């Protein structure tokens, strides 16, 4: 795939990733976020975080299906960083609009509400991944150590899905779709690794 096509696709990816934020800003300016604007902002930023995180996890298994899809890897970092961006907005929504920057209220919530604890854990797992997303970090850490560190993204995604399930009311199945997609991606990783070993057996 040529450079101009990659640039165009990256521009479209940026636009798509920023679209949920643009809708929130427009809604805030026009006062059309609904009866509970804070809940709307919280849901949108949280759902977008999980969606982008799962999309970034889907890059590797999809590109492994064909050598022609190797260009997809160029978008994995971008999707991951946008997931961290929305995750940070999601956290700040809670800190500013729900807790009112009250440390004691936040600590009490973390102790009493397990979905908040799980959400904070998911965000903390993303912090070192975002901090080491540069080529410089890969060179400093070395490829193997960098890859081991960035496997935390799977744990972060799992924690994020659990956070989603624990937040909704019993009987609400809205997190199911993302859960199924994540489960498929987690299952695909060892399956694809096994297929790759069968194709390229190690000879003594």
Protein backbone atom coordinates (compact mmCIF):
# COMPACT_ATOMS: atom_id res chain seq x y z
CA UNK A 1 0.00 0.00 0.00
CA UNK A 2 1.45 3.35 -1.03
CA UNK A 3 2.22 6.24 1.29
CA UNK A 4 -0.61 8.53 0.12
CA UNK A 5 -3.21 5.82 0.79
CA UNK A 6 -1.80 5.23 4.29
CA UNK A 7 -1.95 8.98 5.00
CA UNK A 8 -5.56 9.11 3.80
CA UNK A 9 -6.55 6.11 5.93
CA UNK A 10 -4.82 7.59 8.98
CA UNK A 11 -6.65 10.88 8.45
CA UNK A 12 -9.96 9.00 8.28
CA UNK A 13 -9.00 7.06 11.42
CA UNK A 14 -8.27 10.31 13.26
CA UNK A 15 -11.63 11.71 12.15
CA UNK A 16 -13.49 8.56 13.22
CA UNK A 17 -11.74 8.45 16.60
CA UNK A 18 -12.48 12.12 17.30
CA UNK A 19 -16.12 11.86 16.20
CA UNK A 20 -17.51 10.75 19.61
CA UNK A 21 -15.73 13.68 21.27
CA UNK A 22 -17.03 16.08 18.63
CA UNK A 23 -20.59 14.87 19.28
CA UNK A 24 -20.13 15.42 23.03
CA UNK A 25 -18.76 18.93 22.50
CA UNK A 26 -21.61 19.75 20.12
CA UNK A 27 -24.13 18.37 22.59
CA UNK A 28 -22.64 20.40 25.43
CA UNK A 29 -22.67 23.61 23.37
CA UNK A 30 -26.24 23.10 22.15
CA UNK A 31 -27.47 21.65 25.46
CA UNK A 32 -28.64 18.43 23.78
CA UNK A 33 -26.87 15.84 25.92
CA UNK A 34 -30.15 14.73 27.44
CA UNK A 35 -31.62 14.82 30.91
CA UNK A 36 -28.37 13.63 32.52
CA UNK A 37 -25.41 15.14 30.62
CA UNK A 38 -22.85 13.70 33.07
CA UNK A 39 -24.16 10.17 32.52
CA UNK A 40 -24.06 10.71 28.74
CA UNK A 41 -20.44 11.89 28.86
CA UNK A 42 -19.49 9.02 31.15
CA UNK A 43 -21.09 6.36 28.97
CA UNK A 44 -19.75 7.76 25.68
CA UNK A 45 -16.15 8.09 26.88
CA UNK A 46 -16.19 4.71 28.60
CA UNK A 47 -17.76 2.82 25.68
CA UNK A 48 -15.42 4.49 23.19
CA UNK A 49 -12.44 3.51 25.33
CA UNK A 50 -13.42 -0.15 25.27
CA UNK A 51 -14.33 -0.11 21.58
CA UNK A 52 -11.02 1.42 20.51
CA UNK A 53 -9.07 -0.86 22.83
CA UNK A 54 -10.74 -3.94 21.35
CA UNK A 55 -10.21 -2.64 17.81
CA UNK A 56 -6.51 -2.21 18.54
CA UNK A 57 -6.37 -5.79 19.81
CA UNK A 58 -8.02 -6.95 16.60
CA UNK A 59 -5.26 -5.59 14.39
CA UNK A 60 -2.76 -8.41 14.98
CA UNK A 61 -5.09 -11.37 14.38
CA UNK A 62 -6.67 -9.72 11.32
CA UNK A 63 -3.35 -8.87 9.68
CA UNK A 64 -2.06 -12.38 10.32
CA UNK A 65 -4.77 -13.70 7.98
CA UNK A 66 -2.92 -12.42 4.93
CA UNK A 67 0.45 -10.78 4.15
CA UNK A 68 -1.49 -8.15 2.20
CA UNK A 69 -2.94 -6.87 5.48
CA UNK A 70 0.43 -6.16 7.11
CA UNK A 71 -0.20 -2.42 6.71
CA UNK A 72 -2.84 -2.61 9.46
CA UNK A 73 -0.12 -2.64 12.12
CA UNK A 74 0.44 1.07 11.43
CA UNK A 75 -2.96 1.78 12.99
CA UNK A 76 -2.60 -0.27 16.18
CA UNK A 77 -0.67 2.39 18.08
CA UNK A 78 -3.05 5.15 16.99
CA UNK A 79 -6.10 3.21 18.14
CA UNK A 80 -4.41 2.32 21.43
CA UNK A 81 -3.48 5.93 22.17
CA UNK A 82 -7.00 7.11 21.41
CA UNK A 83 -8.31 4.41 23.76
CA UNK A 84 -6.07 5.82 26.50
CA UNK A 85 -7.22 9.35 25.63
CA UNK A 86 -10.90 8.44 26.03
CA UNK A 87 -10.12 6.38 29.12
CA UNK A 88 -8.52 9.44 30.65
CA UNK A 89 -11.56 11.57 29.75
CA UNK A 90 -13.76 8.87 31.30
CA UNK A 91 -11.75 8.98 34.52
CA UNK A 92 -11.70 12.79 34.58
CA UNK A 93 -15.48 12.83 34.15
CA UNK A 94 -15.80 10.86 37.36
CA UNK A 95 -13.15 12.89 39.21
CA UNK A 96 -14.55 16.28 38.20
CA UNK A 97 -18.29 15.81 37.68
CA UNK A 98 -19.15 13.01 40.09
CA UNK A 99 -16.58 13.34 42.87
CA UNK A 100 -16.03 17.08 42.51
CA UNK A 101 -12.26 16.60 42.98
CA UNK A 102 -12.96 15.44 46.55
CA UNK A 103 -10.20 12.94 47.45
CA UNK A 104 -12.12 11.56 50.41
CA UNK A 105 -15.22 10.96 48.29
CA UNK A 106 -13.12 9.21 45.66
CA UNK A 107 -11.43 6.95 48.20
CA UNK A 108 -14.81 6.09 49.72
CA UNK A 109 -16.19 5.27 46.28
CA UNK A 110 -13.21 3.07 45.43
CA UNK A 111 -13.74 1.18 48.69
CA UNK A 112 -17.51 0.77 48.33
CA UNK A 113 -18.08 0.48 44.58
CA UNK A 114 -16.16 -2.33 42.97
CA UNK A 115 -16.84 -1.13 39.41
CA UNK A 116 -14.93 2.07 40.15
CA UNK A 117 -12.00 0.08 41.55
CA UNK A 118 -11.93 -2.09 38.42
CA UNK A 119 -12.11 0.96 36.17
CA UNK A 120 -9.18 2.61 37.93
CA UNK A 121 -7.16 -0.60 37.62
CA UNK A 122 -7.91 -0.75 33.87
CA UNK A 123 -6.76 2.85 33.42
CA UNK A 124 -3.59 2.31 35.47
CA UNK A 125 -2.71 -0.67 33.27
CA UNK A 126 -2.97 1.57 30.22
CA UNK A 127 -0.67 4.26 31.61
CA UNK A 128 2.67 2.43 31.05
CA UNK A 129 1.48 1.32 27.62
CA UNK A 130 0.73 4.88 26.53
CA UNK A 131 3.99 6.10 28.08
CA UNK A 132 6.03 3.54 26.10
CA UNK A 133 4.19 3.85 22.79
CA UNK A 134 7.07 5.62 21.04
CA UNK A 135 9.79 4.13 18.83
CA UNK A 136 12.32 5.47 21.33
CA UNK A 137 10.74 3.36 24.08
CA UNK A 138 10.90 0.26 21.90
CA UNK A 139 14.62 0.83 21.31
CA UNK A 140 15.33 1.50 25.00
CA UNK A 141 13.33 -1.48 26.30
CA UNK A 142 14.21 -3.86 23.52
CA UNK A 143 11.66 -5.61 21.37
CA UNK A 144 11.06 -8.59 23.66
CA UNK A 145 10.63 -6.60 26.87
CA UNK A 146 8.45 -4.06 25.08
CA UNK A 147 6.21 -6.82 23.73
CA UNK A 148 5.92 -8.43 27.17
CA UNK A 149 4.96 -5.10 28.72
CA UNK A 150 2.36 -4.38 26.07
CA UNK A 151 0.61 -7.68 26.68
CA UNK A 152 -0.89 -5.79 29.64
CA UNK A 153 -3.35 -4.42 27.09
CA UNK A 154 -5.24 -7.72 27.24
CA UNK A 155 -5.55 -7.48 31.01
CA UNK A 156 -6.62 -3.83 30.72
CA UNK A 157 -9.33 -4.78 28.24
CA UNK A 158 -10.58 -7.58 30.49
CA UNK A 159 -10.69 -5.21 33.46
CA UNK A 160 -12.51 -2.67 31.32
CA UNK A 161 -15.19 -5.17 30.32
CA UNK A 162 -15.61 -6.27 33.95
CA UNK A 163 -15.93 -2.58 34.92
CA UNK A 164 -18.69 -2.25 32.32
CA UNK A 165 -20.59 -5.33 33.55
CA UNK A 166 -20.35 -4.30 37.19
CA UNK A 167 -21.61 -0.80 36.39
CA UNK A 168 -24.83 -1.77 34.61
CA UNK A 169 -27.92 -2.99 36.42
CA UNK A 170 -28.56 -6.75 36.76
CA UNK A 171 -30.22 -8.10 33.63
CA UNK A 172 -28.84 -5.37 31.36
CA UNK A 173 -26.90 -7.03 28.52
CA UNK A 174 -25.41 -3.99 26.81
CA UNK A 175 -21.81 -5.11 27.56
CA UNK A 176 -22.38 -8.52 25.94
CA UNK A 177 -21.39 -7.57 22.41
CA UNK A 178 -18.01 -6.16 23.39
CA UNK A 179 -17.46 -9.10 25.73
CA UNK A 180 -18.00 -11.60 22.92
CA UNK A 181 -15.65 -9.75 20.56
CA UNK A 182 -12.96 -9.57 23.24
CA UNK A 183 -13.37 -13.28 24.05
CA UNK A 184 -12.95 -14.14 20.36
CA UNK A 185 -9.79 -12.04 20.14
CA UNK A 186 -8.35 -13.62 23.29
CA UNK A 187 -9.10 -17.10 21.94
CA UNK A 188 -7.72 -16.23 18.49
CA UNK A 189 -4.29 -15.33 19.83
CA UNK A 190 -3.19 -18.85 20.94
CA UNK A 191 -4.97 -20.44 17.95
CA UNK A 192 -3.12 -18.25 15.47
CA UNK A 193 0.16 -18.84 17.31
CA UNK A 194 -0.41 -22.60 17.03
CA UNK A 195 -1.18 -22.34 13.32
CA UNK A 196 1.95 -20.26 12.81
CA UNK A 197 4.07 -22.88 14.58
CA UNK A 198 2.58 -25.59 12.36
CA UNK A 199 3.42 -23.59 9.25
CA UNK A 200 6.95 -22.82 10.43
CA UNK A 201 8.14 -25.77 12.55
CA UNK A 202 11.43 -25.33 14.40
CA UNK A 203 13.98 -27.78 13.04
CA UNK A 204 16.83 -29.09 15.16
